[in-house]
C-alpha atoms as a PDB file:
ATOM      1  CA  MET A   1     158.574 342.396 127.777  1.00  0.00           C
ATOM      2  CA  GLY A   2     162.140 341.160 127.357  1.00  0.00           C
ATOM      3  CA  GLU A   3     163.346 338.137 125.479  1.00  0.00           C
ATOM      4  CA  ARG A   4     164.762 335.174 127.341  1.00  0.00           C
ATOM      5  CA  THR A   5     168.515 335.158 126.821  1.00  0.00           C
ATOM      6  CA  VAL A   6     169.875 332.576 129.274  1.00  0.00           C
ATOM      7  CA  ARG A   7     168.165 329.715 131.066  1.00  0.00           C
ATOM      8  CA  GLY A   8     169.831 327.264 133.388  1.00  0.00           C
ATOM      9  CA  PHE A   9     169.311 325.082 136.384  1.00  0.00           C
ATOM     10  CA  CYS A  10     171.508 325.621 139.389  1.00  0.00           C
ATOM     11  CA  GLY A  11     171.641 322.142 140.923  1.00  0.00           C
ATOM     12  CA  ALA A  12     173.420 323.280 144.034  1.00  0.00           C
ATOM     13  CA  CYS A  13     170.635 325.713 144.923  1.00  0.00           C
ATOM     14  CA  GLU A  14     167.768 323.769 143.272  1.00  0.00           C
ATOM     15  CA  ARG A  15     166.755 326.841 141.311  1.00  0.00           C
ATOM     16  CA  LEU A  16     165.851 327.344 137.701  1.00  0.00           C
ATOM     17  CA  VAL A  17     167.077 330.728 136.594  1.00  0.00           C
ATOM     18  CA  ALA A  18     165.915 332.554 133.506  1.00  0.00           C
ATOM     19  CA  ILE A  19     167.597 335.807 132.594  1.00  0.00           C
ATOM     20  CA  TYR A  20     165.705 338.104 130.269  1.00  0.00           C
ATOM     21  CA  THR A  21     167.030 341.259 128.682  1.00  0.00           C
ATOM     22  CA  ASP A  22     165.067 343.388 131.134  1.00  0.00           C
ATOM     23  CA  HIS A  23     164.913 341.256 134.299  1.00  0.00           C
ATOM     24  CA  THR A  24     165.977 338.072 136.084  1.00  0.00           C
ATOM     25  CA  ILE A  25     163.566 335.600 137.574  1.00  0.00           C
ATOM     26  CA  THR A  26     164.210 332.592 139.752  1.00  0.00           C
ATOM     27  CA  ILE A  27     162.009 329.520 139.979  1.00  0.00           C
ATOM     28  CA  ARG A  28     162.589 327.821 143.276  1.00  0.00           C
ATOM     29  CA  PRO A  29     161.034 325.449 145.786  1.00  0.00           C
ATOM     30  CA  THR A  30     159.141 327.032 148.618  1.00  0.00           C
ATOM     31  CA  GLN A  31     160.620 327.848 152.010  1.00  0.00           C
ATOM     32  CA  LEU A  32     158.747 328.235 155.295  1.00  0.00           C
ATOM     33  CA  THR A  33     159.571 331.958 155.299  1.00  0.00           C
ATOM     34  CA  ASP A  34     157.506 332.305 152.114  1.00  0.00           C
ATOM     35  CA  ALA A  35     154.226 331.770 153.998  1.00  0.00           C
ATOM     36  CA  PRO A  36     153.101 335.440 154.117  1.00  0.00           C
ATOM     37  CA  ALA A  37     153.975 336.057 150.457  1.00  0.00           C
ATOM     38  CA  PHE A  38     152.412 332.690 149.488  1.00  0.00           C
ATOM     39  CA  ARG A  39     149.187 333.731 151.198  1.00  0.00           C
ATOM     40  CA  GLU A  40     149.136 337.084 149.382  1.00  0.00           C
ATOM     41  CA  LEU A  41     149.889 335.569 145.974  1.00  0.00           C
ATOM     42  CA  ARG A  42     147.310 332.803 146.362  1.00  0.00           C
ATOM     43  CA  LEU A  43     144.653 335.273 147.513  1.00  0.00           C
ATOM     44  CA  GLU A  44     145.472 337.544 144.585  1.00  0.00           C
ATOM     45  CA  ALA A  45     144.916 334.603 142.214  1.00  0.00           C
ATOM     46  CA  LEU A  46     141.652 333.590 143.840  1.00  0.00           C
ATOM     47  CA  ARG A  47     140.337 337.189 143.930  1.00  0.00           C
ATOM     48  CA  ALA A  48     141.367 338.048 140.340  1.00  0.00           C
ATOM     49  CA  HIS A  49     140.307 334.752 138.736  1.00  0.00           C
ATOM     50  CA  PRO A  50     137.564 333.031 140.774  1.00  0.00           C
ATOM     51  CA  GLU A  51     136.429 331.157 137.674  1.00  0.00           C
ATOM     52  CA  ALA A  52     139.822 329.478 137.315  1.00  0.00           C
ATOM     53  CA  PHE A  53     140.231 327.893 140.766  1.00  0.00           C
ATOM     54  CA  LEU A  54     138.072 325.515 142.790  1.00  0.00           C
ATOM     55  CA  ALA A  55     139.318 327.137 146.007  1.00  0.00           C
ATOM     56  CA  ASP A  56     137.279 330.058 147.323  1.00  0.00           C
ATOM     57  CA  TYR A  57     138.752 333.485 148.124  1.00  0.00           C
ATOM     58  CA  ALA A  58     136.715 334.148 151.279  1.00  0.00           C
ATOM     59  CA  THR A  59     137.509 330.761 152.774  1.00  0.00           C
ATOM     60  CA  ASN A  60     141.228 331.096 152.092  1.00  0.00           C
ATOM     61  CA  GLU A  61     141.345 334.721 153.229  1.00  0.00           C
ATOM     62  CA  ALA A  62     139.977 333.650 156.619  1.00  0.00           C
ATOM     63  CA  GLU A  63     142.677 331.031 157.169  1.00  0.00           C
ATOM     64  CA  PRO A  64     145.329 331.863 159.817  1.00  0.00           C
ATOM     65  CA  MET A  65     149.027 332.042 158.936  1.00  0.00           C
ATOM     66  CA  THR A  66     149.498 328.575 160.450  1.00  0.00           C
ATOM     67  CA  PHE A  67     147.371 327.206 157.593  1.00  0.00           C
ATOM     68  CA  TRP A  68     149.768 328.660 155.005  1.00  0.00           C
ATOM     69  CA  GLU A  69     152.822 327.511 156.941  1.00  0.00           C
ATOM     70  CA  GLY A  70     151.277 324.048 157.140  1.00  0.00           C
ATOM     71  CA  ARG A  71     150.819 323.875 153.393  1.00  0.00           C
ATOM     72  CA  ILE A  72     154.486 324.722 152.912  1.00  0.00           C
ATOM     73  CA  ALA A  73     155.645 322.322 155.646  1.00  0.00           C
ATOM     74  CA  ALA A  74     153.679 319.504 153.988  1.00  0.00           C
ATOM     75  CA  THR A  75     155.900 319.576 150.903  1.00  0.00           C
ATOM     76  CA  GLY A  76     158.404 316.752 150.518  1.00  0.00           C
ATOM     77  CA  SER A  77     158.322 313.353 148.854  1.00  0.00           C
ATOM     78  CA  HIS A  78     154.584 313.617 148.102  1.00  0.00           C
ATOM     79  CA  SER A  79     154.322 317.252 147.034  1.00  0.00           C
ATOM     80  CA  ALA A  80     156.210 320.339 145.965  1.00  0.00           C
ATOM     81  CA  LEU A  81     155.401 323.999 145.643  1.00  0.00           C
ATOM     82  CA  TYR A  82     157.391 326.259 143.340  1.00  0.00           C
ATOM     83  CA  PHE A  83     157.521 330.028 143.301  1.00  0.00           C
ATOM     84  CA  VAL A  84     158.770 332.429 140.689  1.00  0.00           C
ATOM     85  CA  ALA A  85     160.633 335.306 142.266  1.00  0.00           C
ATOM     86  CA  HIS A  86     161.717 338.591 140.790  1.00  0.00           C
ATOM     87  CA  GLY A  87     164.020 339.982 143.421  1.00  0.00           C
ATOM     88  CA  ASP A  88     162.173 339.607 146.719  1.00  0.00           C
ATOM     89  CA  ASN A  89     158.722 339.539 145.095  1.00  0.00           C
ATOM     90  CA  LEU A  90     156.803 336.379 144.304  1.00  0.00           C
ATOM     91  CA  ILE A  91     155.231 336.725 140.866  1.00  0.00           C
ATOM     92  CA  GLY A  92     154.051 333.179 140.207  1.00  0.00           C
ATOM     93  CA  MET A  93     153.349 329.792 141.764  1.00  0.00           C
ATOM     94  CA  CYS A  94     152.658 326.205 140.832  1.00  0.00           C
ATOM     95  CA  GLY A  95     152.182 323.092 142.973  1.00  0.00           C
ATOM     96  CA  ILE A  96     152.315 319.371 142.383  1.00  0.00           C
ATOM     97  CA  ARG A  97     151.196 316.512 144.633  1.00  0.00           C
ATOM     98  CA  ARG A  98     151.362 312.788 144.057  1.00  0.00           C
ATOM     99  CA  GLY A  99     148.944 310.110 145.111  1.00  0.00           C
ATOM    100  CA  MET A 100     149.329 308.933 148.702  1.00  0.00           C
ATOM    101  CA  SER A 101     148.281 305.307 148.243  1.00  0.00           C
ATOM    102  CA  PRO A 102     150.758 302.799 146.765  1.00  0.00           C
ATOM    103  CA  LYS A 103     148.242 302.112 143.970  1.00  0.00           C
ATOM    104  CA  ILE A 104     148.180 305.759 142.820  1.00  0.00           C
ATOM    105  CA  GLU A 105     151.537 307.188 143.854  1.00  0.00           C
ATOM    106  CA  HIS A 106     152.748 306.837 140.247  1.00  0.00           C
ATOM    107  CA  GLY A 107     150.509 309.773 139.408  1.00  0.00           C
ATOM    108  CA  ALA A 108     150.650 313.441 140.379  1.00  0.00           C
ATOM    109  CA  LEU A 109     148.373 316.466 140.036  1.00  0.00           C
ATOM    110  CA  ILE A 110     149.428 320.002 139.080  1.00  0.00           C
ATOM    111  CA  TRP A 111     147.505 322.670 141.049  1.00  0.00           C
ATOM    112  CA  GLY A 112     147.416 326.416 141.641  1.00  0.00           C
ATOM    113  CA  VAL A 113     149.206 327.633 138.507  1.00  0.00           C
ATOM    114  CA  TYR A 114     149.276 331.427 138.586  1.00  0.00           C
ATOM    115  CA  VAL A 115     151.454 334.167 137.116  1.00  0.00           C
ATOM    116  CA  GLN A 116     150.763 337.829 137.871  1.00  0.00           C
ATOM    117  CA  PRO A 117     149.191 339.582 134.851  1.00  0.00           C
ATOM    118  CA  SER A 118     152.124 341.951 134.230  1.00  0.00           C
ATOM    119  CA  TRP A 119     154.442 338.919 133.856  1.00  0.00           C
ATOM    120  CA  ARG A 120     152.286 336.868 131.501  1.00  0.00           C
ATOM    121  CA  GLY A 121     153.308 336.229 127.921  1.00  0.00           C
ATOM    122  CA  ARG A 122     156.906 335.401 128.871  1.00  0.00           C
ATOM    123  CA  HIS A 123     156.429 331.608 129.177  1.00  0.00           C
ATOM    124  CA  ILE A 124     156.967 331.724 132.946  1.00  0.00           C
ATOM    125  CA  ALA A 125     154.134 329.243 133.539  1.00  0.00           C
ATOM    126  CA  GLU A 126     155.917 326.792 131.189  1.00  0.00           C
ATOM    127  CA  GLU A 127     159.092 327.162 133.269  1.00  0.00           C
ATOM    128  CA  MET A 128     157.160 326.429 136.479  1.00  0.00           C
ATOM    129  CA  LEU A 129     155.490 323.412 134.912  1.00  0.00           C
ATOM    130  CA  GLU A 130     158.884 322.059 133.869  1.00  0.00           C
ATOM    131  CA  ALA A 131     160.114 322.462 137.455  1.00  0.00           C
ATOM    132  CA  CYS A 132     157.126 320.372 138.585  1.00  0.00           C
ATOM    133  CA  ILE A 133     157.803 317.796 135.852  1.00  0.00           C
ATOM    134  CA  GLY A 134     161.402 317.606 137.042  1.00  0.00           C
ATOM    135  CA  TRP A 135     160.213 316.962 140.602  1.00  0.00           C
ATOM    136  CA  ALA A 136     157.841 314.287 139.288  1.00  0.00           C
ATOM    137  CA  ARG A 137     160.624 312.502 137.439  1.00  0.00           C
ATOM    138  CA  GLU A 138     162.883 312.621 140.516  1.00  0.00           C
ATOM    139  CA  ASN A 139     160.082 311.029 142.520  1.00  0.00           C
ATOM    140  CA  ASN A 140     159.299 308.249 140.025  1.00  0.00           C
ATOM    141  CA  VAL A 141     155.962 309.736 138.930  1.00  0.00           C
ATOM    142  CA  ARG A 142     154.854 308.303 135.610  1.00  0.00           C
ATOM    143  CA  VAL A 143     151.861 310.510 134.752  1.00  0.00           C
ATOM    144  CA  VAL A 144     151.122 314.139 135.642  1.00  0.00           C
ATOM    145  CA  LYS A 145     147.564 315.386 135.388  1.00  0.00           C
ATOM    146  CA  LEU A 146     145.780 318.699 135.733  1.00  0.00           C
ATOM    147  CA  ALA A 147     142.330 320.190 135.277  1.00  0.00           C
ATOM    148  CA  ILE A 148     141.655 323.520 133.618  1.00  0.00           C
ATOM    149  CA  VAL A 149     138.400 325.386 133.135  1.00  0.00           C
ATOM    150  CA  SER A 150     137.383 324.838 129.495  1.00  0.00           C
ATOM    151  CA  THR A 151     137.089 328.579 128.757  1.00  0.00           C
ATOM    152  CA  ASN A 152     140.709 329.432 129.687  1.00  0.00           C
ATOM    153  CA  GLY A 153     142.223 329.330 126.210  1.00  0.00           C
ATOM    154  CA  GLY A 154     145.581 330.824 127.191  1.00  0.00           C
ATOM    155  CA  ALA A 155     146.227 328.243 129.885  1.00  0.00           C
ATOM    156  CA  ILE A 156     145.061 325.401 127.655  1.00  0.00           C
ATOM    157  CA  ARG A 157     147.532 326.471 124.945  1.00  0.00           C
ATOM    158  CA  CYS A 158     150.291 326.693 127.568  1.00  0.00           C
ATOM    159  CA  TYR A 159     149.610 323.153 128.771  1.00  0.00           C
ATOM    160  CA  LEU A 160     149.518 321.809 125.227  1.00  0.00           C
ATOM    161  CA  ARG A 161     152.918 323.443 124.530  1.00  0.00           C
ATOM    162  CA  CYS A 162     154.208 321.656 127.649  1.00  0.00           C
ATOM    163  CA  GLY A 163     153.173 318.260 126.296  1.00  0.00           C
ATOM    164  CA  PHE A 164     149.870 317.762 128.098  1.00  0.00           C
ATOM    165  CA  GLN A 165     147.005 316.189 126.171  1.00  0.00           C
ATOM    166  CA  VAL A 166     143.277 316.363 126.802  1.00  0.00           C
ATOM    167  CA  TYR A 167     141.857 313.021 127.927  1.00  0.00           C
ATOM    168  CA  GLY A 168     138.412 314.021 129.114  1.00  0.00           C
ATOM    169  CA  VAL A 169     135.943 316.599 130.341  1.00  0.00           C
ATOM    170  CA  GLU A 170     134.512 316.924 133.821  1.00  0.00           C
ATOM    171  CA  PRO A 171     131.134 318.590 133.341  1.00  0.00           C
ATOM    172  CA  GLN A 172     129.839 321.376 135.563  1.00  0.00           C
ATOM    173  CA  VAL A 173     132.726 321.143 138.020  1.00  0.00           C
ATOM    174  CA  LEU A 174     132.621 324.830 139.038  1.00  0.00           C
ATOM    175  CA  PHE A 175     129.683 327.144 139.665  1.00  0.00           C
ATOM    176  CA  HIS A 176     130.537 330.870 139.677  1.00  0.00           C
ATOM    177  CA  ASN A 177     128.344 333.947 139.104  1.00  0.00           C
ATOM    178  CA  GLY A 178     125.423 331.794 138.022  1.00  0.00           C
ATOM    179  CA  VAL A 179     127.414 329.927 135.370  1.00  0.00           C
ATOM    180  CA  MET A 180     128.450 326.277 135.380  1.00  0.00           C
ATOM    181  CA  GLN A 181     131.947 325.629 134.069  1.00  0.00           C
ATOM    182  CA  ASP A 182     133.400 322.396 132.690  1.00  0.00           C
ATOM    183  CA  ASP A 183     137.017 321.357 133.275  1.00  0.00           C
ATOM    184  CA  LEU A 184     139.244 319.873 130.632  1.00  0.00           C
ATOM    185  CA  LEU A 185     141.246 316.991 132.096  1.00  0.00           C
ATOM    186  CA  MET A 186     144.788 316.888 130.770  1.00  0.00           C
ATOM    187  CA  ALA A 187     147.727 314.531 131.295  1.00  0.00           C
ATOM    188  CA  ARG A 188     151.384 314.194 130.382  1.00  0.00           C
ATOM    189  CA  ILE A 189     152.953 310.749 130.407  1.00  0.00           C
ATOM    190  CA  LEU A 190     156.587 310.871 131.574  1.00  0.00           C
END
């Protein structure tokens, strides 16, 4: 695991670049051509960590490619999807979507945060979250929220480092392998 040596935002290409001593990663908005890799990365996350996501692996695995293309095409002024790339490989993802009604469009929800296990511990999730926060600020979002299963200590610590605070608990939100899981509700005021 290398140390981060340079970090910068390339405004012209809308990419956040972090250069580590042993690799370079790029955090960038999605492109329609990412659909196959998006599908594979999302399915990997759902398969490896079913307790961490409300979405179901089998349901998502059955979706046609047009479903994944549609999710990418839907990004814009109400949502964004960021990927972390190492070369041509996607190694992480994070999405954000704002409320659609005028009464709630000041708020946005972070979803689908995932970094492949071999890349964890390098604060890549924090970099993705900051990309989402940047999008939120550009789109006049005032509060960003997320929900995290209460047993995921690593993710909770990451969100706390990024300025999120716990504001509640949603009890028994997820049922997996015979166990009910609570979600911590977290928010960051911008």
